[in-house]
């Protein structure tokens, strides 16, 4: 009698674990995609692949995605801090997919608008993404297609982009730039960027990519007083 009860309890325990616990024994999918858009957070598209590459776009403009990276949670959860602005992303495997928790993720600094593609007006400074997002397994092609939406960004002298005006505003706050901000990436813009790059200890190329634009934006937010 006691052995039957013990056997029944063991079976029940295993059943509960299978129903409620994450399926860490199963091989993770190589691609995950947002199950449905989340109007409250403004996120309409999100994909995360096994390498930890995160691509997401807002509902108002699905063709101007943002990108982040975070270690993929092979087991349990992983939290990634993003630069020094207090933002973070937590990824956790759950039984049927992947849970992504965004906390105070600033996105305004990494937005790239192109004059050629006419993607519309820039977002207001200080935009953030907060919330939990459930992603379900998807074919690799879904993540690959999402990655292709991301616009390349390497600004250098001679370029014309709305994002240049934002960059120059940030440099103006830091005292690196003295002219009126506009869309033109001039030699003066490049010199200002070189000054900033030299101060933070990176090669002074005078060119600006997504990561540098985001970093300058964070420093400008804190009035270049450090993190």
N, C-alpha and C. Protein backbone atom coordinates (compact mmCIF):
# COMPACT_ATOMS: atom_id res chain seq x y z
N UNK A 1 0.83 -1.21 0.00
CA UNK A 1 0.00 0.00 0.00
C UNK A 1 0.87 1.26 0.00
N UNK A 2 1.85 1.30 0.93
CA UNK A 2 2.72 2.46 1.03
C UNK A 2 3.54 2.64 -0.24
N UNK A 3 3.97 1.50 -0.84
CA UNK A 3 4.77 1.60 -2.06
C UNK A 3 3.95 2.18 -3.20
N UNK A 4 2.63 1.82 -3.25
CA UNK A 4 1.78 2.36 -4.30
C UNK A 4 1.60 3.87 -4.12
N UNK A 5 1.46 4.31 -2.84
CA UNK A 5 1.31 5.75 -2.57
C UNK A 5 2.57 6.50 -2.96
N UNK A 6 3.74 5.93 -2.59
CA UNK A 6 5.01 6.56 -2.92
C UNK A 6 5.19 6.66 -4.42
N UNK A 7 4.81 5.58 -5.11
CA UNK A 7 4.92 5.57 -6.57
C UNK A 7 4.01 6.63 -7.19
N UNK A 8 2.80 6.75 -6.63
CA UNK A 8 1.85 7.74 -7.15
C UNK A 8 2.35 9.15 -6.94
N UNK A 9 2.94 9.41 -5.76
CA UNK A 9 3.46 10.74 -5.48
C UNK A 9 4.62 11.09 -6.41
N UNK A 10 5.47 10.12 -6.68
CA UNK A 10 6.60 10.35 -7.57
C UNK A 10 6.12 10.68 -8.97
N UNK A 11 5.09 9.94 -9.42
CA UNK A 11 4.54 10.19 -10.75
C UNK A 11 3.93 11.58 -10.83
N UNK A 12 3.20 11.97 -9.76
CA UNK A 12 2.57 13.29 -9.73
C UNK A 12 3.62 14.40 -9.75
N UNK A 13 4.72 14.18 -8.99
CA UNK A 13 5.78 15.18 -8.94
C UNK A 13 6.41 15.38 -10.31
N UNK A 14 6.68 14.27 -11.00
CA UNK A 14 7.26 14.35 -12.33
C UNK A 14 6.32 15.06 -13.29
N UNK A 15 5.02 14.76 -13.19
CA UNK A 15 4.04 15.37 -14.08
C UNK A 15 3.99 16.87 -13.88
N UNK A 16 4.00 17.32 -12.60
CA UNK A 16 3.97 18.75 -12.32
C UNK A 16 5.20 19.43 -12.89
N UNK A 17 6.36 18.77 -12.74
CA UNK A 17 7.60 19.36 -13.24
C UNK A 17 7.55 19.53 -14.75
N UNK A 18 6.98 18.53 -15.43
CA UNK A 18 6.90 18.60 -16.88
C UNK A 18 5.95 19.69 -17.35
N UNK A 19 4.90 19.92 -16.57
CA UNK A 19 3.91 20.92 -16.96
C UNK A 19 4.39 22.33 -16.68
N UNK A 20 5.00 22.54 -15.49
CA UNK A 20 5.30 23.90 -15.07
C UNK A 20 6.73 24.33 -15.28
N UNK A 21 7.66 23.42 -15.33
CA UNK A 21 9.07 23.80 -15.40
C UNK A 21 9.53 24.03 -16.82
N UNK A 22 10.62 24.78 -16.98
CA UNK A 22 11.18 25.00 -18.30
C UNK A 22 11.81 23.74 -18.84
N UNK A 23 11.72 23.55 -20.13
CA UNK A 23 12.21 22.32 -20.74
C UNK A 23 13.69 22.47 -21.06
N UNK A 24 14.55 22.53 -20.02
CA UNK A 24 15.96 22.72 -20.25
C UNK A 24 16.61 21.52 -20.91
N UNK A 25 15.95 20.36 -20.81
CA UNK A 25 16.52 19.18 -21.43
C UNK A 25 16.43 19.22 -22.94
N UNK A 26 15.49 19.99 -23.46
CA UNK A 26 15.30 20.08 -24.90
C UNK A 26 16.29 21.07 -25.50
N UNK A 27 16.68 20.81 -26.73
CA UNK A 27 17.59 21.71 -27.43
C UNK A 27 16.87 23.02 -27.76
N UNK A 28 17.45 24.18 -27.43
CA UNK A 28 16.80 25.45 -27.75
C UNK A 28 16.65 25.62 -29.26
N UNK A 29 15.66 26.38 -29.65
CA UNK A 29 15.50 26.70 -31.07
C UNK A 29 16.61 27.67 -31.48
N UNK A 30 16.89 27.75 -32.75
CA UNK A 30 17.92 28.67 -33.23
C UNK A 30 17.35 30.05 -33.51
N UNK A 31 16.02 30.17 -33.50
CA UNK A 31 15.37 31.45 -33.77
C UNK A 31 14.06 31.53 -33.00
N UNK A 32 13.78 32.70 -32.44
CA UNK A 32 12.52 32.94 -31.74
C UNK A 32 11.93 34.25 -32.26
N UNK A 33 10.60 34.31 -32.33
CA UNK A 33 9.95 35.52 -32.81
C UNK A 33 8.79 35.89 -31.89
N UNK A 34 8.49 37.17 -31.81
CA UNK A 34 7.43 37.68 -30.94
C UNK A 34 6.10 37.04 -31.32
N UNK A 35 5.41 36.49 -30.31
CA UNK A 35 4.15 35.80 -30.59
C UNK A 35 3.10 36.76 -31.12
N UNK A 36 3.03 37.95 -30.52
CA UNK A 36 2.08 38.96 -31.00
C UNK A 36 2.58 40.34 -30.61
N UNK A 37 2.17 41.34 -31.37
CA UNK A 37 2.58 42.71 -31.09
C UNK A 37 2.05 43.15 -29.73
N UNK A 38 2.78 44.04 -29.08
CA UNK A 38 2.38 44.54 -27.77
C UNK A 38 2.16 46.05 -27.86
N UNK A 39 0.93 46.47 -28.11
CA UNK A 39 0.64 47.91 -28.29
C UNK A 39 1.07 48.77 -27.12
N UNK A 40 0.95 48.25 -25.89
CA UNK A 40 1.29 49.07 -24.73
C UNK A 40 2.76 49.49 -24.75
N UNK A 41 3.63 48.59 -25.17
CA UNK A 41 5.05 48.91 -25.21
C UNK A 41 5.46 49.52 -26.54
N UNK A 42 4.58 49.40 -27.54
CA UNK A 42 4.89 49.94 -28.85
C UNK A 42 5.76 49.06 -29.70
N UNK A 43 6.02 47.82 -29.25
CA UNK A 43 6.88 46.91 -30.01
C UNK A 43 6.02 46.02 -30.90
N UNK A 44 6.33 46.01 -32.20
CA UNK A 44 5.54 45.21 -33.13
C UNK A 44 6.26 44.01 -33.67
N UNK A 45 7.59 44.07 -33.69
CA UNK A 45 8.42 42.99 -34.22
C UNK A 45 9.58 42.75 -33.26
N UNK A 46 9.89 41.47 -33.01
CA UNK A 46 11.08 41.14 -32.23
C UNK A 46 11.52 39.73 -32.59
N UNK A 47 12.81 39.57 -32.83
CA UNK A 47 13.38 38.25 -33.03
C UNK A 47 14.65 38.14 -32.20
N UNK A 48 14.92 36.94 -31.71
CA UNK A 48 16.15 36.65 -30.96
C UNK A 48 16.69 35.33 -31.48
N UNK A 49 17.97 35.30 -31.85
CA UNK A 49 18.53 34.04 -32.33
C UNK A 49 19.46 33.43 -31.29
N UNK A 50 19.95 32.24 -31.59
CA UNK A 50 20.74 31.47 -30.63
C UNK A 50 22.06 32.15 -30.28
N UNK A 51 22.52 33.05 -31.14
CA UNK A 51 23.76 33.76 -30.85
C UNK A 51 23.55 34.93 -29.89
N UNK A 52 22.28 35.22 -29.57
CA UNK A 52 21.96 36.32 -28.68
C UNK A 52 21.71 37.64 -29.39
N UNK A 53 21.59 37.59 -30.70
CA UNK A 53 21.29 38.80 -31.47
C UNK A 53 19.80 39.12 -31.34
N UNK A 54 19.49 40.34 -30.92
CA UNK A 54 18.11 40.78 -30.69
C UNK A 54 17.78 41.90 -31.68
N UNK A 55 16.72 41.71 -32.44
CA UNK A 55 16.26 42.74 -33.38
C UNK A 55 14.80 43.05 -33.08
N UNK A 56 14.46 44.32 -32.95
CA UNK A 56 13.08 44.68 -32.65
C UNK A 56 12.74 46.01 -33.29
N UNK A 57 11.46 46.19 -33.55
CA UNK A 57 11.00 47.43 -34.18
C UNK A 57 9.69 47.86 -33.53
N UNK A 58 9.43 49.14 -33.57
CA UNK A 58 8.20 49.67 -32.99
C UNK A 58 7.06 49.55 -33.98
N UNK A 59 5.85 49.52 -33.46
CA UNK A 59 4.68 49.35 -34.32
C UNK A 59 4.50 50.50 -35.30
N UNK A 60 4.95 51.69 -34.92
CA UNK A 60 4.77 52.85 -35.79
C UNK A 60 5.69 52.82 -36.99
N UNK A 61 6.77 52.05 -36.91
CA UNK A 61 7.70 51.99 -38.04
C UNK A 61 8.46 50.67 -38.03
N UNK A 62 7.88 49.62 -38.59
CA UNK A 62 8.51 48.31 -38.57
C UNK A 62 9.75 48.19 -39.44
N UNK A 63 10.02 49.21 -40.26
CA UNK A 63 11.17 49.15 -41.16
C UNK A 63 12.39 49.90 -40.63
N UNK A 64 12.35 50.29 -39.37
CA UNK A 64 13.50 50.94 -38.75
C UNK A 64 13.80 50.23 -37.43
N UNK A 65 14.36 49.03 -37.50
CA UNK A 65 14.56 48.24 -36.30
C UNK A 65 15.77 48.67 -35.47
N UNK A 66 15.75 48.27 -34.22
CA UNK A 66 16.87 48.46 -33.31
C UNK A 66 17.53 47.10 -33.11
N UNK A 67 18.78 47.11 -32.72
CA UNK A 67 19.48 45.85 -32.47
C UNK A 67 20.20 45.91 -31.13
N UNK A 68 20.22 44.78 -30.45
CA UNK A 68 20.96 44.60 -29.21
C UNK A 68 21.55 43.21 -29.23
N UNK A 69 22.38 42.91 -28.26
CA UNK A 69 22.89 41.55 -28.13
C UNK A 69 22.99 41.19 -26.66
N UNK A 70 22.76 39.92 -26.36
CA UNK A 70 22.80 39.43 -24.99
C UNK A 70 23.11 37.94 -25.06
N UNK A 71 23.85 37.44 -24.10
CA UNK A 71 24.16 36.01 -24.08
C UNK A 71 22.86 35.20 -24.06
N UNK A 72 22.80 34.17 -24.89
CA UNK A 72 21.59 33.35 -24.94
C UNK A 72 21.53 32.46 -23.69
N UNK A 73 20.36 32.36 -23.04
CA UNK A 73 20.23 31.56 -21.82
C UNK A 73 20.09 30.07 -22.11
N UNK A 74 21.20 29.36 -22.17
CA UNK A 74 21.13 27.92 -22.40
C UNK A 74 20.39 27.24 -21.26
N UNK A 75 20.57 27.74 -20.04
CA UNK A 75 19.85 27.26 -18.87
C UNK A 75 19.52 28.45 -17.98
N UNK A 76 18.35 28.43 -17.38
CA UNK A 76 17.97 29.52 -16.48
C UNK A 76 17.76 30.82 -17.22
N UNK A 77 18.29 31.91 -16.64
CA UNK A 77 18.10 33.23 -17.24
C UNK A 77 19.42 33.97 -17.31
N UNK A 78 19.47 34.97 -18.17
CA UNK A 78 20.66 35.81 -18.34
C UNK A 78 20.21 37.26 -18.37
N UNK A 79 20.88 38.12 -17.62
CA UNK A 79 20.58 39.55 -17.61
C UNK A 79 21.77 40.31 -18.18
N UNK A 80 21.50 41.18 -19.12
CA UNK A 80 22.55 41.97 -19.76
C UNK A 80 22.30 43.45 -19.49
N UNK A 81 23.28 44.10 -18.89
CA UNK A 81 23.21 45.55 -18.72
C UNK A 81 23.64 46.21 -20.01
N UNK A 82 23.03 47.34 -20.33
CA UNK A 82 23.28 48.01 -21.60
C UNK A 82 23.94 49.35 -21.35
N UNK A 83 25.23 49.41 -21.64
CA UNK A 83 26.04 50.60 -21.43
C UNK A 83 25.90 51.06 -19.97
N UNK A 84 25.68 52.35 -19.75
CA UNK A 84 25.67 52.84 -18.38
C UNK A 84 24.40 53.62 -18.07
N UNK A 85 23.36 53.42 -18.87
CA UNK A 85 22.16 54.22 -18.66
C UNK A 85 21.14 53.54 -17.76
N UNK A 86 21.52 52.40 -17.17
CA UNK A 86 20.60 51.71 -16.27
C UNK A 86 19.69 50.73 -16.96
N UNK A 87 19.66 50.72 -18.28
CA UNK A 87 18.80 49.79 -19.01
C UNK A 87 19.34 48.38 -18.97
N UNK A 88 18.44 47.42 -19.09
CA UNK A 88 18.89 46.02 -19.11
C UNK A 88 17.86 45.16 -19.83
N UNK A 89 18.32 44.01 -20.28
CA UNK A 89 17.47 43.01 -20.90
C UNK A 89 17.73 41.68 -20.22
N UNK A 90 16.66 41.00 -19.80
CA UNK A 90 16.77 39.67 -19.21
C UNK A 90 16.12 38.66 -20.14
N UNK A 91 16.84 37.61 -20.49
CA UNK A 91 16.32 36.54 -21.32
C UNK A 91 16.18 35.28 -20.49
N UNK A 92 15.04 34.59 -20.62
CA UNK A 92 14.81 33.37 -19.85
C UNK A 92 14.08 32.35 -20.70
N UNK A 93 14.61 31.16 -20.76
CA UNK A 93 13.92 30.09 -21.47
C UNK A 93 12.74 29.61 -20.64
N UNK A 94 11.61 29.46 -21.29
CA UNK A 94 10.42 28.89 -20.67
C UNK A 94 10.00 27.70 -21.52
N UNK A 95 9.04 26.97 -21.03
CA UNK A 95 8.72 25.68 -21.65
C UNK A 95 8.44 25.79 -23.14
N UNK A 96 7.66 26.76 -23.54
CA UNK A 96 7.24 26.84 -24.94
C UNK A 96 7.96 27.91 -25.75
N UNK A 97 8.98 28.53 -25.18
CA UNK A 97 9.65 29.57 -25.93
C UNK A 97 10.68 30.33 -25.12
N UNK A 98 10.70 31.64 -25.31
CA UNK A 98 11.70 32.49 -24.68
C UNK A 98 11.01 33.75 -24.16
N UNK A 99 11.37 34.16 -22.96
CA UNK A 99 10.81 35.36 -22.36
C UNK A 99 11.89 36.44 -22.34
N UNK A 100 11.56 37.61 -22.87
CA UNK A 100 12.50 38.74 -22.88
C UNK A 100 11.91 39.86 -22.05
N UNK A 101 12.64 40.27 -21.03
CA UNK A 101 12.19 41.34 -20.14
C UNK A 101 13.06 42.58 -20.39
N UNK A 102 12.43 43.64 -20.89
CA UNK A 102 13.13 44.90 -21.15
C UNK A 102 12.86 45.86 -20.00
N UNK A 103 13.91 46.48 -19.50
CA UNK A 103 13.76 47.45 -18.42
C UNK A 103 14.52 48.72 -18.77
N UNK A 104 13.77 49.80 -18.96
CA UNK A 104 14.36 51.12 -19.20
C UNK A 104 15.36 51.11 -20.35
N UNK A 105 15.02 50.42 -21.44
CA UNK A 105 15.91 50.37 -22.60
C UNK A 105 15.73 51.61 -23.45
N UNK A 106 16.74 52.45 -23.47
CA UNK A 106 16.69 53.67 -24.30
C UNK A 106 16.90 53.28 -25.75
N UNK A 107 16.05 53.79 -26.62
CA UNK A 107 16.19 53.46 -28.03
C UNK A 107 16.38 54.69 -28.91
N UNK A 108 16.18 55.86 -28.37
CA UNK A 108 16.25 57.05 -29.20
C UNK A 108 17.64 57.30 -29.78
N UNK A 109 18.67 56.86 -29.09
CA UNK A 109 20.02 57.15 -29.54
C UNK A 109 20.46 56.28 -30.70
N UNK A 110 19.82 55.14 -30.89
CA UNK A 110 20.27 54.22 -31.92
C UNK A 110 19.36 54.23 -33.14
N UNK A 111 18.38 55.11 -33.16
CA UNK A 111 17.46 55.18 -34.29
C UNK A 111 18.17 55.77 -35.51
N UNK A 112 18.01 55.14 -36.65
CA UNK A 112 18.64 55.62 -37.87
C UNK A 112 17.57 55.95 -38.89
N UNK A 113 17.47 57.20 -39.28
CA UNK A 113 16.52 57.60 -40.31
C UNK A 113 17.29 57.98 -41.56
N UNK A 114 16.82 57.57 -42.69
CA UNK A 114 17.50 57.84 -43.95
C UNK A 114 16.69 58.81 -44.79
N UNK A 115 17.36 59.79 -45.35
CA UNK A 115 16.70 60.73 -46.26
C UNK A 115 16.19 59.98 -47.49
N UNK A 116 16.97 59.00 -47.94
CA UNK A 116 16.63 58.27 -49.15
C UNK A 116 15.36 57.47 -48.98
N UNK A 117 15.24 56.75 -47.85
CA UNK A 117 14.07 55.90 -47.64
C UNK A 117 12.91 56.64 -47.01
N UNK A 118 13.13 57.89 -46.60
CA UNK A 118 12.05 58.74 -46.06
C UNK A 118 11.25 58.01 -44.99
N UNK A 119 11.94 57.63 -43.92
CA UNK A 119 11.28 56.84 -42.88
C UNK A 119 10.45 57.67 -41.92
N UNK A 120 10.43 58.96 -42.10
CA UNK A 120 9.57 59.76 -41.25
C UNK A 120 10.33 60.52 -40.18
N UNK A 121 9.57 61.18 -39.33
CA UNK A 121 10.17 62.04 -38.31
C UNK A 121 10.89 61.23 -37.25
N UNK A 122 11.90 61.84 -36.66
CA UNK A 122 12.63 61.17 -35.59
C UNK A 122 11.77 61.12 -34.33
N UNK A 123 12.04 60.10 -33.52
CA UNK A 123 11.33 60.00 -32.26
C UNK A 123 11.89 61.03 -31.28
N UNK A 124 11.10 61.34 -30.28
CA UNK A 124 11.55 62.28 -29.26
C UNK A 124 12.68 61.66 -28.45
N UNK A 125 13.61 62.50 -28.00
CA UNK A 125 14.69 62.01 -27.15
C UNK A 125 14.12 61.41 -25.87
N UNK A 126 14.78 60.40 -25.38
CA UNK A 126 14.39 59.82 -24.11
C UNK A 126 13.38 58.70 -24.20
N UNK A 127 13.06 58.21 -25.41
CA UNK A 127 12.12 57.10 -25.55
C UNK A 127 12.71 55.84 -24.93
N UNK A 128 11.88 55.08 -24.23
CA UNK A 128 12.36 53.85 -23.60
C UNK A 128 11.38 52.71 -23.90
N UNK A 129 11.89 51.50 -23.79
CA UNK A 129 11.05 50.31 -23.93
C UNK A 129 11.10 49.55 -22.62
N UNK A 130 9.93 49.27 -22.08
CA UNK A 130 9.78 48.48 -20.86
C UNK A 130 8.74 47.41 -21.11
N UNK A 131 8.92 46.25 -20.51
CA UNK A 131 7.89 45.23 -20.60
C UNK A 131 8.44 43.84 -20.83
N UNK A 132 7.53 42.85 -20.74
CA UNK A 132 7.88 41.45 -20.96
C UNK A 132 7.33 41.00 -22.30
N UNK A 133 8.13 40.24 -23.03
CA UNK A 133 7.75 39.79 -24.36
C UNK A 133 7.97 38.29 -24.48
N UNK A 134 6.93 37.57 -24.91
CA UNK A 134 7.05 36.13 -25.11
C UNK A 134 7.32 35.84 -26.57
N UNK A 135 8.39 35.09 -26.81
CA UNK A 135 8.77 34.73 -28.17
C UNK A 135 8.68 33.23 -28.34
N UNK A 136 8.16 32.80 -29.46
CA UNK A 136 8.00 31.38 -29.75
C UNK A 136 9.02 30.94 -30.80
N UNK A 137 9.37 29.66 -30.83
CA UNK A 137 10.33 29.17 -31.82
C UNK A 137 9.85 29.46 -33.24
N UNK A 138 10.79 29.75 -34.12
CA UNK A 138 10.46 30.08 -35.51
C UNK A 138 11.57 29.56 -36.42
N UNK A 139 11.29 29.40 -37.70
CA UNK A 139 12.33 28.99 -38.65
C UNK A 139 13.47 30.01 -38.71
N UNK A 140 14.67 29.55 -39.03
CA UNK A 140 15.82 30.45 -39.12
C UNK A 140 15.57 31.61 -40.06
N UNK A 141 14.80 31.36 -41.11
CA UNK A 141 14.54 32.39 -42.12
C UNK A 141 13.87 33.62 -41.51
N UNK A 142 13.10 33.44 -40.44
CA UNK A 142 12.41 34.57 -39.80
C UNK A 142 13.43 35.52 -39.19
N UNK A 143 14.41 34.98 -38.48
CA UNK A 143 15.45 35.82 -37.88
C UNK A 143 16.33 36.45 -38.95
N UNK A 144 16.63 35.70 -39.98
CA UNK A 144 17.46 36.22 -41.07
C UNK A 144 16.78 37.39 -41.77
N UNK A 145 15.48 37.27 -41.99
CA UNK A 145 14.74 38.35 -42.64
C UNK A 145 14.69 39.58 -41.74
N UNK A 146 14.55 39.36 -40.44
CA UNK A 146 14.51 40.47 -39.49
C UNK A 146 15.83 41.21 -39.47
N UNK A 147 16.94 40.45 -39.49
CA UNK A 147 18.26 41.08 -39.47
C UNK A 147 18.48 41.96 -40.70
N UNK A 148 17.92 41.56 -41.83
CA UNK A 148 18.11 42.31 -43.06
C UNK A 148 17.38 43.65 -43.04
N UNK A 149 16.39 43.78 -42.13
CA UNK A 149 15.68 45.05 -42.02
C UNK A 149 16.54 46.14 -41.41
N UNK A 150 17.50 45.72 -40.58
CA UNK A 150 18.33 46.69 -39.88
C UNK A 150 19.13 47.53 -40.86
N UNK A 151 19.08 48.83 -40.67
CA UNK A 151 19.79 49.73 -41.57
C UNK A 151 21.25 49.88 -41.14
N UNK A 152 22.18 49.75 -42.07
CA UNK A 152 23.58 49.96 -41.70
C UNK A 152 23.80 51.41 -41.32
N UNK A 153 24.71 51.65 -40.42
CA UNK A 153 24.99 53.02 -40.00
C UNK A 153 26.48 53.20 -39.79
N UNK A 154 27.11 53.94 -40.67
CA UNK A 154 28.48 54.39 -40.49
C UNK A 154 28.56 55.77 -41.12
N UNK A 155 28.44 56.78 -40.28
CA UNK A 155 28.41 58.15 -40.78
C UNK A 155 29.82 58.72 -40.82
N UNK A 156 30.11 59.42 -41.91
CA UNK A 156 31.42 60.02 -42.11
C UNK A 156 31.25 61.30 -42.92
N UNK A 157 32.32 62.12 -43.03
CA UNK A 157 32.20 63.39 -43.76
C UNK A 157 31.61 63.22 -45.15
N UNK A 158 30.65 64.08 -45.47
CA UNK A 158 29.97 64.04 -46.76
C UNK A 158 28.60 63.41 -46.69
N UNK A 159 28.28 62.72 -45.59
CA UNK A 159 26.98 62.06 -45.45
C UNK A 159 25.89 63.07 -45.08
N UNK A 160 24.67 62.73 -45.46
CA UNK A 160 23.50 63.56 -45.15
C UNK A 160 22.43 62.67 -44.54
N UNK A 161 22.20 62.82 -43.23
CA UNK A 161 21.20 62.03 -42.52
C UNK A 161 20.57 62.88 -41.42
N UNK A 162 19.30 62.65 -41.12
CA UNK A 162 18.71 63.31 -39.95
C UNK A 162 19.45 62.95 -38.67
N UNK A 163 20.01 61.73 -38.61
CA UNK A 163 20.71 61.30 -37.40
C UNK A 163 21.94 62.15 -37.12
N UNK A 164 22.51 62.80 -38.14
CA UNK A 164 23.67 63.66 -37.93
C UNK A 164 23.30 64.83 -37.02
N UNK A 165 22.10 65.37 -37.22
CA UNK A 165 21.66 66.50 -36.39
C UNK A 165 21.59 66.09 -34.93
N UNK A 166 21.10 64.89 -34.67
CA UNK A 166 21.05 64.42 -33.29
C UNK A 166 22.45 64.24 -32.72
N UNK A 167 23.34 63.65 -33.52
CA UNK A 167 24.73 63.48 -33.09
C UNK A 167 25.35 64.82 -32.72
N UNK A 168 25.16 65.82 -33.57
CA UNK A 168 25.75 67.13 -33.32
C UNK A 168 25.14 67.81 -32.10
N UNK A 169 23.87 67.55 -31.85
CA UNK A 169 23.26 68.09 -30.62
C UNK A 169 23.94 67.50 -29.39
N UNK A 170 24.20 66.19 -29.43
CA UNK A 170 24.88 65.55 -28.31
C UNK A 170 26.29 66.11 -28.13
N UNK A 171 27.01 66.27 -29.24
CA UNK A 171 28.37 66.80 -29.18
C UNK A 171 28.38 68.25 -28.69
N UNK A 172 27.33 68.99 -29.03
CA UNK A 172 27.20 70.38 -28.58
C UNK A 172 27.05 70.43 -27.06
N UNK A 173 26.26 69.51 -26.52
CA UNK A 173 26.07 69.45 -25.06
C UNK A 173 27.41 69.20 -24.37
N UNK A 174 28.24 68.36 -24.97
CA UNK A 174 29.52 68.02 -24.37
C UNK A 174 30.62 69.02 -24.61
N UNK A 175 30.34 70.05 -25.41
CA UNK A 175 31.35 71.06 -25.68
C UNK A 175 32.34 70.67 -26.76
N UNK A 176 32.02 69.62 -27.52
CA UNK A 176 32.92 69.19 -28.59
C UNK A 176 32.60 69.88 -29.92
N UNK A 177 31.42 70.42 -30.03
CA UNK A 177 30.93 70.96 -31.30
C UNK A 177 30.35 72.34 -31.05
N UNK A 178 30.64 73.30 -31.97
CA UNK A 178 30.21 74.68 -31.73
C UNK A 178 29.23 75.21 -32.76
N UNK A 179 29.07 74.51 -33.88
CA UNK A 179 28.18 75.00 -34.94
C UNK A 179 26.72 74.62 -34.66
N UNK A 180 25.82 75.17 -35.46
CA UNK A 180 24.40 74.81 -35.34
C UNK A 180 24.20 73.39 -35.90
N UNK A 181 23.59 72.50 -35.13
CA UNK A 181 23.38 71.12 -35.60
C UNK A 181 22.52 71.07 -36.86
N UNK A 182 22.91 70.26 -37.81
CA UNK A 182 22.12 70.05 -39.02
C UNK A 182 22.34 68.62 -39.52
N UNK A 183 21.86 68.32 -40.72
CA UNK A 183 21.93 66.96 -41.24
C UNK A 183 23.27 66.61 -41.88
N UNK A 184 24.17 67.58 -42.04
CA UNK A 184 25.40 67.35 -42.79
C UNK A 184 26.55 66.92 -41.89
N UNK A 185 27.17 65.82 -42.25
CA UNK A 185 28.34 65.32 -41.51
C UNK A 185 29.58 65.96 -42.14
N UNK A 186 30.05 67.02 -41.53
CA UNK A 186 31.15 67.80 -42.09
C UNK A 186 32.48 67.41 -41.45
N UNK A 187 33.55 68.05 -41.92
CA UNK A 187 34.87 67.83 -41.32
C UNK A 187 34.86 68.27 -39.86
N UNK A 188 34.09 69.32 -39.55
CA UNK A 188 33.99 69.79 -38.16
C UNK A 188 33.29 68.74 -37.29
N UNK A 189 32.28 68.09 -37.85
CA UNK A 189 31.60 67.01 -37.12
C UNK A 189 32.60 65.90 -36.81
N UNK A 190 33.38 65.53 -37.81
CA UNK A 190 34.36 64.46 -37.64
C UNK A 190 35.39 64.81 -36.57
N UNK A 191 35.85 66.06 -36.55
CA UNK A 191 36.82 66.49 -35.55
C UNK A 191 36.23 66.41 -34.15
N UNK A 192 34.96 66.79 -34.02
CA UNK A 192 34.29 66.71 -32.72
C UNK A 192 34.19 65.25 -32.26
N UNK A 193 33.87 64.37 -33.20
CA UNK A 193 33.78 62.95 -32.87
C UNK A 193 35.14 62.41 -32.45
N UNK A 194 36.20 62.84 -33.14
CA UNK A 194 37.55 62.40 -32.78
C UNK A 194 37.91 62.80 -31.35
N UNK A 195 37.53 64.01 -30.97
CA UNK A 195 37.80 64.47 -29.60
C UNK A 195 37.12 63.56 -28.59
N UNK A 196 35.85 63.23 -28.86
CA UNK A 196 35.12 62.35 -27.95
C UNK A 196 35.77 60.97 -27.92
N UNK A 197 36.10 60.44 -29.09
CA UNK A 197 36.71 59.11 -29.15
C UNK A 197 38.03 59.07 -28.39
N UNK A 198 38.83 60.12 -28.52
CA UNK A 198 40.11 60.17 -27.81
C UNK A 198 39.92 60.18 -26.31
N UNK A 199 38.91 60.89 -25.85
CA UNK A 199 38.67 60.99 -24.41
C UNK A 199 38.19 59.67 -23.80
N UNK A 200 37.47 58.86 -24.59
CA UNK A 200 36.99 57.59 -24.04
C UNK A 200 37.95 56.45 -24.34
N UNK A 201 39.07 56.75 -25.01
CA UNK A 201 40.10 55.75 -25.21
C UNK A 201 39.93 54.81 -26.38
N UNK A 202 39.24 55.26 -27.43
CA UNK A 202 39.12 54.43 -28.63
C UNK A 202 39.80 55.14 -29.80
N UNK A 203 40.04 54.42 -30.87
CA UNK A 203 40.73 54.99 -32.02
C UNK A 203 39.94 56.18 -32.58
N UNK A 204 40.58 57.35 -32.70
CA UNK A 204 39.87 58.55 -33.19
C UNK A 204 39.71 58.54 -34.70
N UNK A 205 38.71 57.86 -35.18
CA UNK A 205 38.47 57.75 -36.63
C UNK A 205 37.67 58.92 -37.18
N UNK A 206 36.88 59.56 -36.31
CA UNK A 206 36.01 60.63 -36.77
C UNK A 206 34.74 60.13 -37.42
N UNK A 207 34.55 58.80 -37.44
CA UNK A 207 33.35 58.20 -38.01
C UNK A 207 32.43 57.74 -36.88
N UNK A 208 31.14 57.65 -37.17
CA UNK A 208 30.16 57.30 -36.14
C UNK A 208 29.32 56.12 -36.59
N UNK A 209 29.33 55.04 -35.78
CA UNK A 209 28.45 53.91 -36.04
C UNK A 209 27.34 53.91 -35.00
N UNK A 210 26.50 52.88 -35.03
CA UNK A 210 25.36 52.82 -34.10
C UNK A 210 25.81 52.86 -32.65
N UNK A 211 26.82 52.06 -32.32
CA UNK A 211 27.25 51.96 -30.93
C UNK A 211 27.79 53.29 -30.42
N UNK A 212 28.56 53.98 -31.25
CA UNK A 212 29.12 55.26 -30.81
C UNK A 212 28.03 56.30 -30.66
N UNK A 213 27.07 56.32 -31.58
CA UNK A 213 25.96 57.26 -31.48
C UNK A 213 25.17 57.03 -30.19
N UNK A 214 24.94 55.77 -29.87
CA UNK A 214 24.22 55.45 -28.63
C UNK A 214 25.02 55.88 -27.41
N UNK A 215 26.33 55.64 -27.43
CA UNK A 215 27.17 56.00 -26.29
C UNK A 215 27.22 57.51 -26.08
N UNK A 216 27.37 58.26 -27.16
CA UNK A 216 27.38 59.72 -27.04
C UNK A 216 26.04 60.21 -26.51
N UNK A 217 24.95 59.56 -26.94
CA UNK A 217 23.63 59.94 -26.45
C UNK A 217 23.49 59.73 -24.95
N UNK A 218 24.04 58.63 -24.45
CA UNK A 218 23.99 58.35 -23.02
C UNK A 218 24.79 59.39 -22.25
N UNK A 219 25.99 59.70 -22.74
CA UNK A 219 26.82 60.71 -22.07
C UNK A 219 26.14 62.08 -22.08
N UNK A 220 25.48 62.40 -23.18
CA UNK A 220 24.78 63.69 -23.26
C UNK A 220 23.64 63.75 -22.25
N UNK A 221 22.96 62.62 -22.06
CA UNK A 221 21.86 62.55 -21.10
C UNK A 221 22.35 62.88 -19.70
N UNK A 222 23.56 62.41 -19.39
CA UNK A 222 24.12 62.67 -18.07
C UNK A 222 25.03 63.90 -18.08
N UNK A 223 24.85 64.76 -19.09
CA UNK A 223 25.60 66.01 -19.21
C UNK A 223 27.10 65.74 -19.18
N UNK A 224 27.51 64.62 -19.76
CA UNK A 224 28.91 64.23 -19.84
C UNK A 224 29.57 64.24 -18.47
N UNK A 225 28.80 63.84 -17.48
CA UNK A 225 29.35 63.77 -16.13
C UNK A 225 29.69 62.36 -15.72
N UNK A 226 29.64 61.41 -16.65
CA UNK A 226 29.96 60.03 -16.30
C UNK A 226 28.71 59.27 -15.95
N UNK A 227 28.88 57.95 -15.76
CA UNK A 227 27.74 57.08 -15.52
C UNK A 227 27.59 56.79 -14.04
